[in-house]
Amino acid sequence: MTGPALISGIHHLKIVVGDLAASLSWWQDVTGARRNPDFDHRTADGQLFAHLLEIPGVGPYLELRLDPAAAAAVGSLDPITFAVDMTASRMVFSSGLAGDVLQAQLAVGDEPA
């Protein structure tokens, strides 16, 4: 071995989900995430099991990986905490989106904190 690998950054973060379609919809609606179908992950027999998303303003990609058992085991753990513009956050809460976010979280199997 000649030395440690030269790491230049993080390519993507992975989140396990119980419902791929509902999770994709939530991330697109709430964060403006964009899915590139060319990066979808499929099994050898063609079954879709993951999406790779690009979230505007966030560096690494986000992978949504279908694994209902792992998603249930993780429960309400928040694997990522995003920094947000507080002015935008106030606008989100005053517009009533906070209730929609809670409903969307419940739809993908998360428990509210």
PDB file of N, CA and C in Angstrom:
ATOM      1  N   MET A   1       0.856  -1.182   0.000  1.00  0.00           N
ATOM      2  CA  MET A   1       0.000   0.000   0.000  1.00  0.00           C
ATOM      3  C   MET A   1       0.897   1.239   0.000  1.00  0.00           C
ATOM      4  N   THR A   2       0.543   2.191  -0.819  1.00  0.00           N
ATOM      5  CA  THR A   2       1.373   3.391  -0.957  1.00  0.00           C
ATOM      6  C   THR A   2       0.917   4.540  -0.079  1.00  0.00           C
ATOM      7  N   GLY A   3      -0.268   4.470   0.481  1.00  0.00           N
ATOM      8  CA  GLY A   3      -0.763   5.553   1.332  1.00  0.00           C
ATOM      9  C   GLY A   3      -2.271   5.641   1.256  1.00  0.00           C
ATOM     10  N   PRO A   4      -2.844   6.560   2.013  1.00  0.00           N
ATOM     11  CA  PRO A   4      -4.310   6.679   2.009  1.00  0.00           C
ATOM     12  C   PRO A   4      -4.831   7.160   0.659  1.00  0.00           C
ATOM     13  N   ALA A   5      -6.075   6.772   0.384  1.00  0.00           N
ATOM     14  CA  ALA A   5      -6.733   7.220  -0.849  1.00  0.00           C
ATOM     15  C   ALA A   5      -6.934   8.726  -0.809  1.00  0.00           C
ATOM     16  N   LEU A   6      -6.853   9.349  -1.944  1.00  0.00           N
ATOM     17  CA  LEU A   6      -7.093  10.790  -2.026  1.00  0.00           C
ATOM     18  C   LEU A   6      -8.586  11.022  -2.241  1.00  0.00           C
ATOM     19  N   ILE A   7      -9.234  11.433  -1.192  1.00  0.00           N
ATOM     20  CA  ILE A   7     -10.677  11.671  -1.247  1.00  0.00           C
ATOM     21  C   ILE A   7     -10.899  13.132  -1.594  1.00  0.00           C
ATOM     22  N   SER A   8     -11.715  13.358  -2.607  1.00  0.00           N
ATOM     23  CA  SER A   8     -11.942  14.737  -3.047  1.00  0.00           C
ATOM     24  C   SER A   8     -13.298  15.280  -2.607  1.00  0.00           C
ATOM     25  N   GLY A   9     -14.108  14.457  -1.953  1.00  0.00           N
ATOM     26  CA  GLY A   9     -15.415  14.922  -1.507  1.00  0.00           C
ATOM     27  C   GLY A   9     -16.362  13.765  -1.304  1.00  0.00           C
ATOM     28  N   ILE A  10     -17.619  14.078  -1.107  1.00  0.00           N
ATOM     29  CA  ILE A  10     -18.669  13.068  -0.945  1.00  0.00           C
ATOM     30  C   ILE A  10     -19.499  13.070  -2.213  1.00  0.00           C
ATOM     31  N   HIS A  11     -19.645  11.921  -2.836  1.00  0.00           N
ATOM     32  CA  HIS A  11     -20.434  11.824  -4.068  1.00  0.00           C
ATOM     33  C   HIS A  11     -21.927  11.825  -3.767  1.00  0.00           C
ATOM     34  N   HIS A  12     -22.377  10.946  -2.835  1.00  0.00           N
ATOM     35  CA  HIS A  12     -23.793  10.948  -2.490  1.00  0.00           C
ATOM     36  C   HIS A  12     -24.016  10.387  -1.091  1.00  0.00           C
ATOM     37  N   LEU A  13     -25.154  10.740  -0.538  1.00  0.00           N
ATOM     38  CA  LEU A  13     -25.623  10.234   0.744  1.00  0.00           C
ATOM     39  C   LEU A  13     -26.778   9.293   0.455  1.00  0.00           C
ATOM     40  N   LYS A  14     -26.960   8.294   1.285  1.00  0.00           N
ATOM     41  CA  LYS A  14     -27.986   7.284   1.037  1.00  0.00           C
ATOM     42  C   LYS A  14     -28.990   7.260   2.187  1.00  0.00           C
ATOM     43  N   ILE A  15     -30.268   7.256   1.823  1.00  0.00           N
ATOM     44  CA  ILE A  15     -31.345   7.149   2.797  1.00  0.00           C
ATOM     45  C   ILE A  15     -32.197   5.958   2.406  1.00  0.00           C
ATOM     46  N   VAL A  16     -32.468   5.071   3.368  1.00  0.00           N
ATOM     47  CA  VAL A  16     -33.354   3.939   3.087  1.00  0.00           C
ATOM     48  C   VAL A  16     -34.797   4.389   3.263  1.00  0.00           C
ATOM     49  N   VAL A  17     -35.662   3.923   2.376  1.00  0.00           N
ATOM     50  CA  VAL A  17     -37.068   4.319   2.395  1.00  0.00           C
ATOM     51  C   VAL A  17     -37.958   3.087   2.264  1.00  0.00           C
ATOM     52  N   GLY A  18     -39.166   3.215   2.764  1.00  0.00           N
ATOM     53  CA  GLY A  18     -40.129   2.122   2.674  1.00  0.00           C
ATOM     54  C   GLY A  18     -40.987   2.186   1.436  1.00  0.00           C
ATOM     55  N   ASP A  19     -41.109   3.362   0.832  1.00  0.00           N
ATOM     56  CA  ASP A  19     -41.936   3.562  -0.357  1.00  0.00           C
ATOM     57  C   ASP A  19     -41.195   4.515  -1.279  1.00  0.00           C
ATOM     58  N   LEU A  20     -40.632   3.984  -2.334  1.00  0.00           N
ATOM     59  CA  LEU A  20     -39.779   4.774  -3.220  1.00  0.00           C
ATOM     60  C   LEU A  20     -40.549   5.907  -3.900  1.00  0.00           C
ATOM     61  N   ALA A  21     -41.737   5.625  -4.400  1.00  0.00           N
ATOM     62  CA  ALA A  21     -42.520   6.649  -5.107  1.00  0.00           C
ATOM     63  C   ALA A  21     -42.940   7.784  -4.169  1.00  0.00           C
ATOM     64  N   ALA A  22     -43.431   7.447  -2.974  1.00  0.00           N
ATOM     65  CA  ALA A  22     -43.851   8.479  -2.021  1.00  0.00           C
ATOM     66  C   ALA A  22     -42.659   9.310  -1.550  1.00  0.00           C
ATOM     67  N   SER A  23     -41.534   8.657  -1.332  1.00  0.00           N
ATOM     68  CA  SER A  23     -40.343   9.379  -0.894  1.00  0.00           C
ATOM     69  C   SER A  23     -39.828  10.314  -1.977  1.00  0.00           C
ATOM     70  N   LEU A  24     -39.816   9.843  -3.219  1.00  0.00           N
ATOM     71  CA  LEU A  24     -39.391  10.691  -4.333  1.00  0.00           C
ATOM     72  C   LEU A  24     -40.284  11.917  -4.420  1.00  0.00           C
ATOM     73  N   SER A  25     -41.576  11.709  -4.340  1.00  0.00           N
ATOM     74  CA  SER A  25     -42.531  12.819  -4.413  1.00  0.00           C
ATOM     75  C   SER A  25     -42.282  13.822  -3.290  1.00  0.00           C
ATOM     76  N   TRP A  26     -42.059  13.323  -2.075  1.00  0.00           N
ATOM     77  CA  TRP A  26     -41.822  14.212  -0.932  1.00  0.00           C
ATOM     78  C   TRP A  26     -40.576  15.054  -1.157  1.00  0.00           C
ATOM     79  N   TRP A  27     -39.457  14.421  -1.544  1.00  0.00           N
ATOM     80  CA  TRP A  27     -38.210  15.160  -1.746  1.00  0.00           C
ATOM     81  C   TRP A  27     -38.337  16.176  -2.878  1.00  0.00           C
ATOM     82  N   GLN A  28     -39.055  15.831  -3.930  1.00  0.00           N
ATOM     83  CA  GLN A  28     -39.247  16.776  -5.030  1.00  0.00           C
ATOM     84  C   GLN A  28     -40.108  17.949  -4.586  1.00  0.00           C
ATOM     85  N   ASP A  29     -41.196  17.667  -3.890  1.00  0.00           N
ATOM     86  CA  ASP A  29     -42.122  18.726  -3.476  1.00  0.00           C
ATOM     87  C   ASP A  29     -41.526  19.652  -2.420  1.00  0.00           C
ATOM     88  N   VAL A  30     -40.827  19.098  -1.450  1.00  0.00           N
ATOM     89  CA  VAL A  30     -40.351  19.883  -0.314  1.00  0.00           C
ATOM     90  C   VAL A  30     -39.011  20.557  -0.583  1.00  0.00           C
ATOM     91  N   THR A  31     -38.094  19.883  -1.286  1.00  0.00           N
ATOM     92  CA  THR A  31     -36.753  20.444  -1.479  1.00  0.00           C
ATOM     93  C   THR A  31     -36.472  20.884  -2.909  1.00  0.00           C
ATOM     94  N   GLY A  32     -37.368  20.562  -3.846  1.00  0.00           N
ATOM     95  CA  GLY A  32     -37.103  20.879  -5.241  1.00  0.00           C
ATOM     96  C   GLY A  32     -36.107  19.923  -5.886  1.00  0.00           C
ATOM     97  N   ALA A  33     -35.914  18.763  -5.257  1.00  0.00           N
ATOM     98  CA  ALA A  33     -34.953  17.776  -5.772  1.00  0.00           C
ATOM     99  C   ALA A  33     -35.311  17.381  -7.203  1.00  0.00           C
ATOM    100  N   ARG A  34     -34.252  17.137  -7.976  1.00  0.00           N
ATOM    101  CA  ARG A  34     -34.424  16.695  -9.362  1.00  0.00           C
ATOM    102  C   ARG A  34     -33.874  15.285  -9.512  1.00  0.00           C
ATOM    103  N   ARG A  35     -34.674  14.417 -10.100  1.00  0.00           N
ATOM    104  CA  ARG A  35     -34.274  13.034 -10.359  1.00  0.00           C
ATOM    105  C   ARG A  35     -33.766  12.929 -11.783  1.00  0.00           C
ATOM    106  N   ASN A  36     -32.666  12.225 -11.952  1.00  0.00           N
ATOM    107  CA  ASN A  36     -32.173  11.922 -13.296  1.00  0.00           C
ATOM    108  C   ASN A  36     -32.399  10.431 -13.517  1.00  0.00           C
ATOM    109  N   PRO A  37     -33.380  10.057 -14.342  1.00  0.00           N
ATOM    110  CA  PRO A  37     -33.688   8.634 -14.554  1.00  0.00           C
ATOM    111  C   PRO A  37     -32.495   7.819 -15.050  1.00  0.00           C
ATOM    112  N   ASP A  38     -31.507   8.466 -15.676  1.00  0.00           N
ATOM    113  CA  ASP A  38     -30.314   7.740 -16.126  1.00  0.00           C
ATOM    114  C   ASP A  38     -29.523   7.170 -14.953  1.00  0.00           C
ATOM    115  N   PHE A  39     -29.709   7.739 -13.759  1.00  0.00           N
ATOM    116  CA  PHE A  39     -28.972   7.280 -12.579  1.00  0.00           C
ATOM    117  C   PHE A  39     -29.780   6.321 -11.709  1.00  0.00           C
ATOM    118  N   ASP A  40     -31.010   5.987 -12.109  1.00  0.00           N
ATOM    119  CA  ASP A  40     -31.803   5.033 -11.337  1.00  0.00           C
ATOM    120  C   ASP A  40     -31.040   3.718 -11.212  1.00  0.00           C
ATOM    121  N   HIS A  41     -31.208   3.057 -10.080  1.00  0.00           N
ATOM    122  CA  HIS A  41     -30.564   1.763  -9.844  1.00  0.00           C
ATOM    123  C   HIS A  41     -31.609   0.664 -10.016  1.00  0.00           C
ATOM    124  N   ARG A  42     -31.233  -0.380 -10.740  1.00  0.00           N
ATOM    125  CA  ARG A  42     -32.129  -1.508 -10.985  1.00  0.00           C
ATOM    126  C   ARG A  42     -31.397  -2.819 -10.733  1.00  0.00           C
ATOM    127  N   THR A  43     -32.173  -3.817 -10.358  1.00  0.00           N
ATOM    128  CA  THR A  43     -31.610  -5.153 -10.201  1.00  0.00           C
ATOM    129  C   THR A  43     -31.333  -5.730 -11.583  1.00  0.00           C
ATOM    130  N   ALA A  44     -30.678  -6.880 -11.614  1.00  0.00           N
ATOM    131  CA  ALA A  44     -30.363  -7.538 -12.887  1.00  0.00           C
ATOM    132  C   ALA A  44     -31.620  -7.838 -13.702  1.00  0.00           C
ATOM    133  N   ASP A  45     -32.748  -8.078 -13.009  1.00  0.00           N
ATOM    134  CA  ASP A  45     -33.994  -8.356 -13.738  1.00  0.00           C
ATOM    135  C   ASP A  45     -34.833  -7.105 -14.003  1.00  0.00           C
ATOM    136  N   GLY A  46     -34.256  -5.914 -13.751  1.00  0.00           N
ATOM    137  CA  GLY A  46     -34.917  -4.668 -14.123  1.00  0.00           C
ATOM    138  C   GLY A  46     -35.760  -4.006 -13.060  1.00  0.00           C
ATOM    139  N   GLN A  47     -35.804  -4.560 -11.842  1.00  0.00           N
ATOM    140  CA  GLN A  47     -36.609  -3.963 -10.776  1.00  0.00           C
ATOM    141  C   GLN A  47     -35.935  -2.699 -10.249  1.00  0.00           C
ATOM    142  N   LEU A  48     -36.684  -1.601 -10.246  1.00  0.00           N
ATOM    143  CA  LEU A  48     -36.184  -0.326  -9.728  1.00  0.00           C
ATOM    144  C   LEU A  48     -36.043  -0.415  -8.210  1.00  0.00           C
ATOM    145  N   PHE A  49     -34.864  -0.018  -7.664  1.00  0.00           N
ATOM    146  CA  PHE A  49     -34.704  -0.031  -6.212  1.00  0.00           C
ATOM    147  C   PHE A  49     -34.085   1.251  -5.662  1.00  0.00           C
ATOM    148  N   ALA A  50     -33.693   2.204  -6.514  1.00  0.00           N
ATOM    149  CA  ALA A  50     -33.130   3.445  -5.980  1.00  0.00           C
ATOM    150  C   ALA A  50     -33.174   4.565  -7.011  1.00  0.00           C
ATOM    151  N   HIS A  51     -33.316   5.783  -6.497  1.00  0.00           N
ATOM    152  CA  HIS A  51     -33.222   7.010  -7.305  1.00  0.00           C
ATOM    153  C   HIS A  51     -32.050   7.831  -6.770  1.00  0.00           C
ATOM    154  N   LEU A  52     -31.358   8.504  -7.658  1.00  0.00           N
ATOM    155  CA  LEU A  52     -30.334   9.462  -7.264  1.00  0.00           C
ATOM    156  C   LEU A  52     -30.888  10.856  -7.557  1.00  0.00           C
ATOM    157  N   LEU A  53     -30.902  11.712  -6.530  1.00  0.00           N
ATOM    158  CA  LEU A  53     -31.495  13.034  -6.645  1.00  0.00           C
ATOM    159  C   LEU A  53     -30.439  14.116  -6.497  1.00  0.00           C
ATOM    160  N   GLU A  54     -30.666  15.215  -7.184  1.00  0.00           N
ATOM    161  CA  GLU A  54     -29.854  16.410  -7.007  1.00  0.00           C
ATOM    162  C   GLU A  54     -30.743  17.464  -6.370  1.00  0.00           C
ATOM    163  N   ILE A  55     -30.307  17.982  -5.225  1.00  0.00           N
ATOM    164  CA  ILE A  55     -31.072  19.000  -4.515  1.00  0.00           C
ATOM    165  C   ILE A  55     -30.386  20.342  -4.756  1.00  0.00           C
ATOM    166  N   PRO A  56     -31.121  21.328  -5.295  1.00  0.00           N
ATOM    167  CA  PRO A  56     -30.516  22.632  -5.560  1.00  0.00           C
ATOM    168  C   PRO A  56     -29.861  23.218  -4.304  1.00  0.00           C
ATOM    169  N   GLY A  57     -28.613  23.656  -4.459  1.00  0.00           N
ATOM    170  CA  GLY A  57     -27.887  24.279  -3.368  1.00  0.00           C
ATOM    171  C   GLY A  57     -27.186  23.315  -2.428  1.00  0.00           C
ATOM    172  N   VAL A  58     -27.348  22.017  -2.642  1.00  0.00           N
ATOM    173  CA  VAL A  58     -26.717  21.005  -1.792  1.00  0.00           C
ATOM    174  C   VAL A  58     -25.692  20.260  -2.636  1.00  0.00           C
ATOM    175  N   GLY A  59     -24.495  20.077  -2.110  1.00  0.00           N
ATOM    176  CA  GLY A  59     -23.403  19.478  -2.880  1.00  0.00           C
ATOM    177  C   GLY A  59     -23.606  18.046  -3.331  1.00  0.00           C
ATOM    178  N   PRO A  60     -23.559  17.079  -2.411  1.00  0.00           N
ATOM    179  CA  PRO A  60     -23.628  15.687  -2.860  1.00  0.00           C
ATOM    180  C   PRO A  60     -25.040  15.300  -3.299  1.00  0.00           C
ATOM    181  N   TYR A  61     -25.088  14.281  -4.146  1.00  0.00           N
ATOM    182  CA  TYR A  61     -26.376  13.712  -4.527  1.00  0.00           C
ATOM    183  C   TYR A  61     -26.987  13.017  -3.313  1.00  0.00           C
ATOM    184  N   LEU A  62     -28.288  12.747  -3.400  1.00  0.00           N
ATOM    185  CA  LEU A  62     -28.997  11.997  -2.376  1.00  0.00           C
ATOM    186  C   LEU A  62     -29.580  10.755  -3.038  1.00  0.00           C
ATOM    187  N   GLU A  63     -29.265   9.596  -2.496  1.00  0.00           N
ATOM    188  CA  GLU A  63     -29.840   8.351  -3.014  1.00  0.00           C
ATOM    189  C   GLU A  63     -30.978   7.921  -2.120  1.00  0.00           C
ATOM    190  N   LEU A  64     -32.131   7.670  -2.725  1.00  0.00           N
ATOM    191  CA  LEU A  64     -33.257   7.070  -2.020  1.00  0.00           C
ATOM    192  C   LEU A  64     -33.220   5.588  -2.364  1.00  0.00           C
ATOM    193  N   ARG A  65     -32.967   4.744  -1.375  1.00  0.00           N
ATOM    194  CA  ARG A  65     -32.804   3.302  -1.597  1.00  0.00           C
ATOM    195  C   ARG A  65     -33.973   2.569  -0.965  1.00  0.00           C
ATOM    196  N   LEU A  66     -34.708   1.817  -1.770  1.00  0.00           N
ATOM    197  CA  LEU A  66     -35.862   1.054  -1.281  1.00  0.00           C
ATOM    198  C   LEU A  66     -35.397  -0.118  -0.432  1.00  0.00           C
ATOM    199  N   ASP A  67     -35.754  -0.073   0.840  1.00  0.00           N
ATOM    200  CA  ASP A  67     -35.460  -1.152   1.776  1.00  0.00           C
ATOM    201  C   ASP A  67     -36.420  -0.983   2.951  1.00  0.00           C
ATOM    202  N   PRO A  68     -37.659  -1.480   2.800  1.00  0.00           N
ATOM    203  CA  PRO A  68     -38.676  -1.262   3.840  1.00  0.00           C
ATOM    204  C   PRO A  68     -38.256  -1.733   5.231  1.00  0.00           C
ATOM    205  N   ALA A  69     -37.570  -2.867   5.330  1.00  0.00           N
ATOM    206  CA  ALA A  69     -37.170  -3.370   6.650  1.00  0.00           C
ATOM    207  C   ALA A  69     -36.155  -2.431   7.302  1.00  0.00           C
ATOM    208  N   ALA A  70     -35.175  -1.983   6.542  1.00  0.00           N
ATOM    209  CA  ALA A  70     -34.171  -1.058   7.090  1.00  0.00           C
ATOM    210  C   ALA A  70     -34.813   0.276   7.448  1.00  0.00           C
ATOM    211  N   ALA A  71     -35.750   0.751   6.616  1.00  0.00           N
ATOM    212  CA  ALA A  71     -36.427   2.024   6.897  1.00  0.00           C
ATOM    213  C   ALA A  71     -37.222   1.927   8.199  1.00  0.00           C
ATOM    214  N   ALA A  72     -37.890   0.788   8.417  1.00  0.00           N
ATOM    215  CA  ALA A  72     -38.648   0.603   9.651  1.00  0.00           C
ATOM    216  C   ALA A  72     -37.717   0.540  10.858  1.00  0.00           C
ATOM    217  N   ALA A  73     -36.558  -0.093  10.697  1.00  0.00           N
ATOM    218  CA  ALA A  73     -35.597  -0.211  11.795  1.00  0.00           C
ATOM    219  C   ALA A  73     -35.006   1.148  12.171  1.00  0.00           C
ATOM    220  N   VAL A  74     -34.817   2.006  11.184  1.00  0.00           N
ATOM    221  CA  VAL A  74     -34.253   3.338  11.435  1.00  0.00           C
ATOM    222  C   VAL A  74     -35.256   4.208  12.173  1.00  0.00           C
ATOM    223  N   GLY A  75     -36.538   3.995  11.926  1.00  0.00           N
ATOM    224  CA  GLY A  75     -37.578   4.735  12.619  1.00  0.00           C
ATOM    225  C   GLY A  75     -37.532   6.217  12.333  1.00  0.00           C
ATOM    226  N   SER A  76     -37.525   7.021  13.373  1.00  0.00           N
ATOM    227  CA  SER A  76     -37.583   8.478  13.207  1.00  0.00           C
ATOM    228  C   SER A  76     -36.210   9.137  13.218  1.00  0.00           C
ATOM    229  N   LEU A  77     -35.147   8.348  13.062  1.00  0.00           N
ATOM    230  CA  LEU A  77     -33.810   8.930  12.995  1.00  0.00           C
ATOM    231  C   LEU A  77     -33.728   9.886  11.818  1.00  0.00           C
ATOM    232  N   ASP A  78     -33.207  11.079  12.047  1.00  0.00           N
ATOM    233  CA  ASP A  78     -32.998  12.052  10.975  1.00  0.00           C
ATOM    234  C   ASP A  78     -31.547  11.943  10.522  1.00  0.00           C
ATOM    235  N   PRO A  79     -31.282  11.261   9.395  1.00  0.00           N
ATOM    236  CA  PRO A  79     -29.889  11.045   8.985  1.00  0.00           C
ATOM    237  C   PRO A  79     -29.200  12.293   8.442  1.00  0.00           C
ATOM    238  N   ILE A  80     -29.975  13.294   8.042  1.00  0.00           N
ATOM    239  CA  ILE A  80     -29.416  14.522   7.479  1.00  0.00           C
ATOM    240  C   ILE A  80     -30.156  15.705   8.083  1.00  0.00           C
ATOM    241  N   THR A  81     -29.410  16.735   8.450  1.00  0.00           N
ATOM    242  CA  THR A  81     -30.010  17.984   8.909  1.00  0.00           C
ATOM    243  C   THR A  81     -29.516  19.081   7.971  1.00  0.00           C
ATOM    244  N   PHE A  82     -30.442  19.739   7.299  1.00  0.00           N
ATOM    245  CA  PHE A  82     -30.093  20.777   6.338  1.00  0.00           C
ATOM    246  C   PHE A  82     -30.072  22.147   7.002  1.00  0.00           C
ATOM    247  N   ALA A  83     -29.159  22.970   6.580  1.00  0.00           N
ATOM    248  CA  ALA A  83     -29.165  24.378   6.969  1.00  0.00           C
ATOM    249  C   ALA A  83     -30.179  25.081   6.069  1.00  0.00           C
ATOM    250  N   VAL A  84     -30.982  25.959   6.652  1.00  0.00           N
ATOM    251  CA  VAL A  84     -31.988  26.671   5.864  1.00  0.00           C
ATOM    252  C   VAL A  84     -31.905  28.161   6.127  1.00  0.00           C
ATOM    253  N   ASP A  85     -32.324  28.922   5.151  1.00  0.00           N
ATOM    254  CA  ASP A  85     -32.427  30.369   5.286  1.00  0.00           C
ATOM    255  C   ASP A  85     -33.625  30.644   6.198  1.00  0.00           C
ATOM    256  N   MET A  86     -33.409  31.333   7.301  1.00  0.00           N
ATOM    257  CA  MET A  86     -34.486  31.542   8.265  1.00  0.00           C
ATOM    258  C   MET A  86     -35.629  32.368   7.695  1.00  0.00           C
ATOM    259  N   THR A  87     -35.352  33.286   6.784  1.00  0.00           N
ATOM    260  CA  THR A  87     -36.429  34.045   6.152  1.00  0.00           C
ATOM    261  C   THR A  87     -37.313  33.103   5.346  1.00  0.00           C
ATOM    262  N   ALA A  88     -36.691  32.222   4.594  1.00  0.00           N
ATOM    263  CA  ALA A  88     -37.457  31.252   3.807  1.00  0.00           C
ATOM    264  C   ALA A  88     -38.238  30.332   4.724  1.00  0.00           C
ATOM    265  N   SER A  89     -37.645  29.946   5.867  1.00  0.00           N
ATOM    266  CA  SER A  89     -38.318  29.058   6.808  1.00  0.00           C
ATOM    267  C   SER A  89     -39.576  29.714   7.360  1.00  0.00           C
ATOM    268  N   ARG A  90     -39.478  30.993   7.712  1.00  0.00           N
ATOM    269  CA  ARG A  90     -40.669  31.703   8.210  1.00  0.00           C
ATOM    270  C   ARG A  90     -41.744  31.743   7.142  1.00  0.00           C
ATOM    271  N   MET A  91     -41.340  31.938   5.896  1.00  0.00           N
ATOM    272  CA  MET A  91     -42.316  31.967   4.807  1.00  0.00           C
ATOM    273  C   MET A  91     -42.971  30.608   4.654  1.00  0.00           C
ATOM    274  N   VAL A  92     -42.233  29.535   4.798  1.00  0.00           N
ATOM    275  CA  VAL A  92     -42.790  28.190   4.684  1.00  0.00           C
ATOM    276  C   VAL A  92     -43.816  27.961   5.778  1.00  0.00           C
ATOM    277  N   PHE A  93     -43.474  28.308   7.024  1.00  0.00           N
ATOM    278  CA  PHE A  93     -44.407  28.077   8.111  1.00  0.00           C
ATOM    279  C   PHE A  93     -45.634  28.968   7.995  1.00  0.00           C
ATOM    280  N   SER A  94     -45.456  30.218   7.566  1.00  0.00           N
ATOM    281  CA  SER A  94     -46.605  31.106   7.465  1.00  0.00           C
ATOM    282  C   SER A  94     -47.515  30.718   6.305  1.00  0.00           C
ATOM    283  N   SER A  95     -46.984  29.997   5.318  1.00  0.00           N
ATOM    284  CA  SER A  95     -47.817  29.597   4.192  1.00  0.00           C
ATOM    285  C   SER A  95     -48.604  28.327   4.481  1.00  0.00           C
ATOM    286  N   GLY A  96     -48.341  27.681   5.621  1.00  0.00           N
ATOM    287  CA  GLY A  96     -49.056  26.468   5.961  1.00  0.00           C
ATOM    288  C   GLY A  96     -48.377  25.215   5.439  1.00  0.00           C
ATOM    289  N   LEU A  97     -47.209  25.346   4.838  1.00  0.00           N
ATOM    290  CA  LEU A  97     -46.524  24.180   4.295  1.00  0.00           C
ATOM    291  C   LEU A  97     -46.079  23.234   5.398  1.00  0.00           C
ATOM    292  N   ALA A  98     -45.880  23.748   6.603  1.00  0.00           N
ATOM    293  CA  ALA A  98     -45.401  22.886   7.690  1.00  0.00           C
ATOM    294  C   ALA A  98     -46.342  21.695   7.889  1.00  0.00           C
ATOM    295  N   GLY A  99     -47.638  21.920   7.827  1.00  0.00           N
ATOM    296  CA  GLY A  99     -48.591  20.817   7.959  1.00  0.00           C
ATOM    297  C   GLY A  99     -48.464  19.835   6.815  1.00  0.00           C
ATOM    298  N   ASP A 100     -48.217  20.351   5.611  1.00  0.00           N
ATOM    299  CA  ASP A 100     -48.041  19.474   4.455  1.00  0.00           C
ATOM    300  C   ASP A 100     -46.783  18.637   4.600  1.00  0.00           C
ATOM    301  N   VAL A 101     -45.728  19.231   5.133  1.00  0.00           N
ATOM    302  CA  VAL A 101     -44.483  18.498   5.334  1.00  0.00           C
ATOM    303  C   VAL A 101     -44.716  17.368   6.324  1.00  0.00           C
ATOM    304  N   LEU A 102     -45.414  17.646   7.425  1.00  0.00           N
ATOM    305  CA  LEU A 102     -45.688  16.612   8.417  1.00  0.00           C
ATOM    306  C   LEU A 102     -46.485  15.486   7.776  1.00  0.00           C
ATOM    307  N   GLN A 103     -47.502  15.808   6.987  1.00  0.00           N
ATOM    308  CA  GLN A 103     -48.286  14.775   6.323  1.00  0.00           C
ATOM    309  C   GLN A 103     -47.420  13.971   5.357  1.00  0.00           C
ATOM    310  N   ALA A 104     -46.538  14.651   4.631  1.00  0.00           N
ATOM    311  CA  ALA A 104     -45.668  13.951   3.692  1.00  0.00           C
ATOM    312  C   ALA A 104     -44.719  13.023   4.437  1.00  0.00           C
ATOM    313  N   GLN A 105     -44.195  13.460   5.589  1.00  0.00           N
ATOM    314  CA  GLN A 105     -43.311  12.598   6.356  1.00  0.00           C
ATOM    315  C   GLN A 105     -44.046  11.357   6.813  1.00  0.00           C
ATOM    316  N   LEU A 106     -45.265  11.519   7.272  1.00  0.00           N
ATOM    317  CA  LEU A 106     -46.037  10.369   7.708  1.00  0.00           C
ATOM    318  C   LEU A 106     -46.333   9.427   6.551  1.00  0.00           C
ATOM    319  N   ALA A 107     -46.503   9.985   5.358  1.00  0.00           N
ATOM    320  CA  ALA A 107     -46.810   9.156   4.198  1.00  0.00           C
ATOM    321  C   ALA A 107     -45.650   8.266   3.814  1.00  0.00           C
ATOM    322  N   VAL A 108     -44.413   8.652   4.144  1.00  0.00           N
ATOM    323  CA  VAL A 108     -43.263   7.815   3.804  1.00  0.00           C
ATOM    324  C   VAL A 108     -42.787   6.999   5.001  1.00  0.00           C
ATOM    325  N   GLY A 109     -43.552   6.963   6.064  1.00  0.00           N
ATOM    326  CA  GLY A 109     -43.259   6.075   7.167  1.00  0.00           C
ATOM    327  C   GLY A 109     -42.486   6.678   8.323  1.00  0.00           C
ATOM    328  N   ASP A 110     -42.278   7.979   8.325  1.00  0.00           N
ATOM    329  CA  ASP A 110     -41.570   8.618   9.434  1.00  0.00           C
ATOM    330  C   ASP A 110     -42.563   8.969  10.519  1.00  0.00           C
ATOM    331  N   GLU A 111     -42.106   8.938  11.754  1.00  0.00           N
ATOM    332  CA  GLU A 111     -42.910   9.386  12.871  1.00  0.00           C
ATOM    333  C   GLU A 111     -42.513  10.821  13.203  1.00  0.00           C
ATOM    334  N   PRO A 112     -43.455  11.687  13.497  1.00  0.00           N
ATOM    335  CA  PRO A 112     -43.077  13.058  13.879  1.00  0.00           C
ATOM    336  C   PRO A 112     -42.300  13.044  15.187  1.00  0.00           C
ATOM    337  N   ALA A 113     -41.362  13.976  15.307  1.00  0.00           N
ATOM    338  CA  ALA A 113     -40.540  14.053  16.527  1.00  0.00           C
ATOM    339  C   ALA A 113     -41.302  14.676  17.657  1.00  0.00           C
TER     340      ALA A 113
END
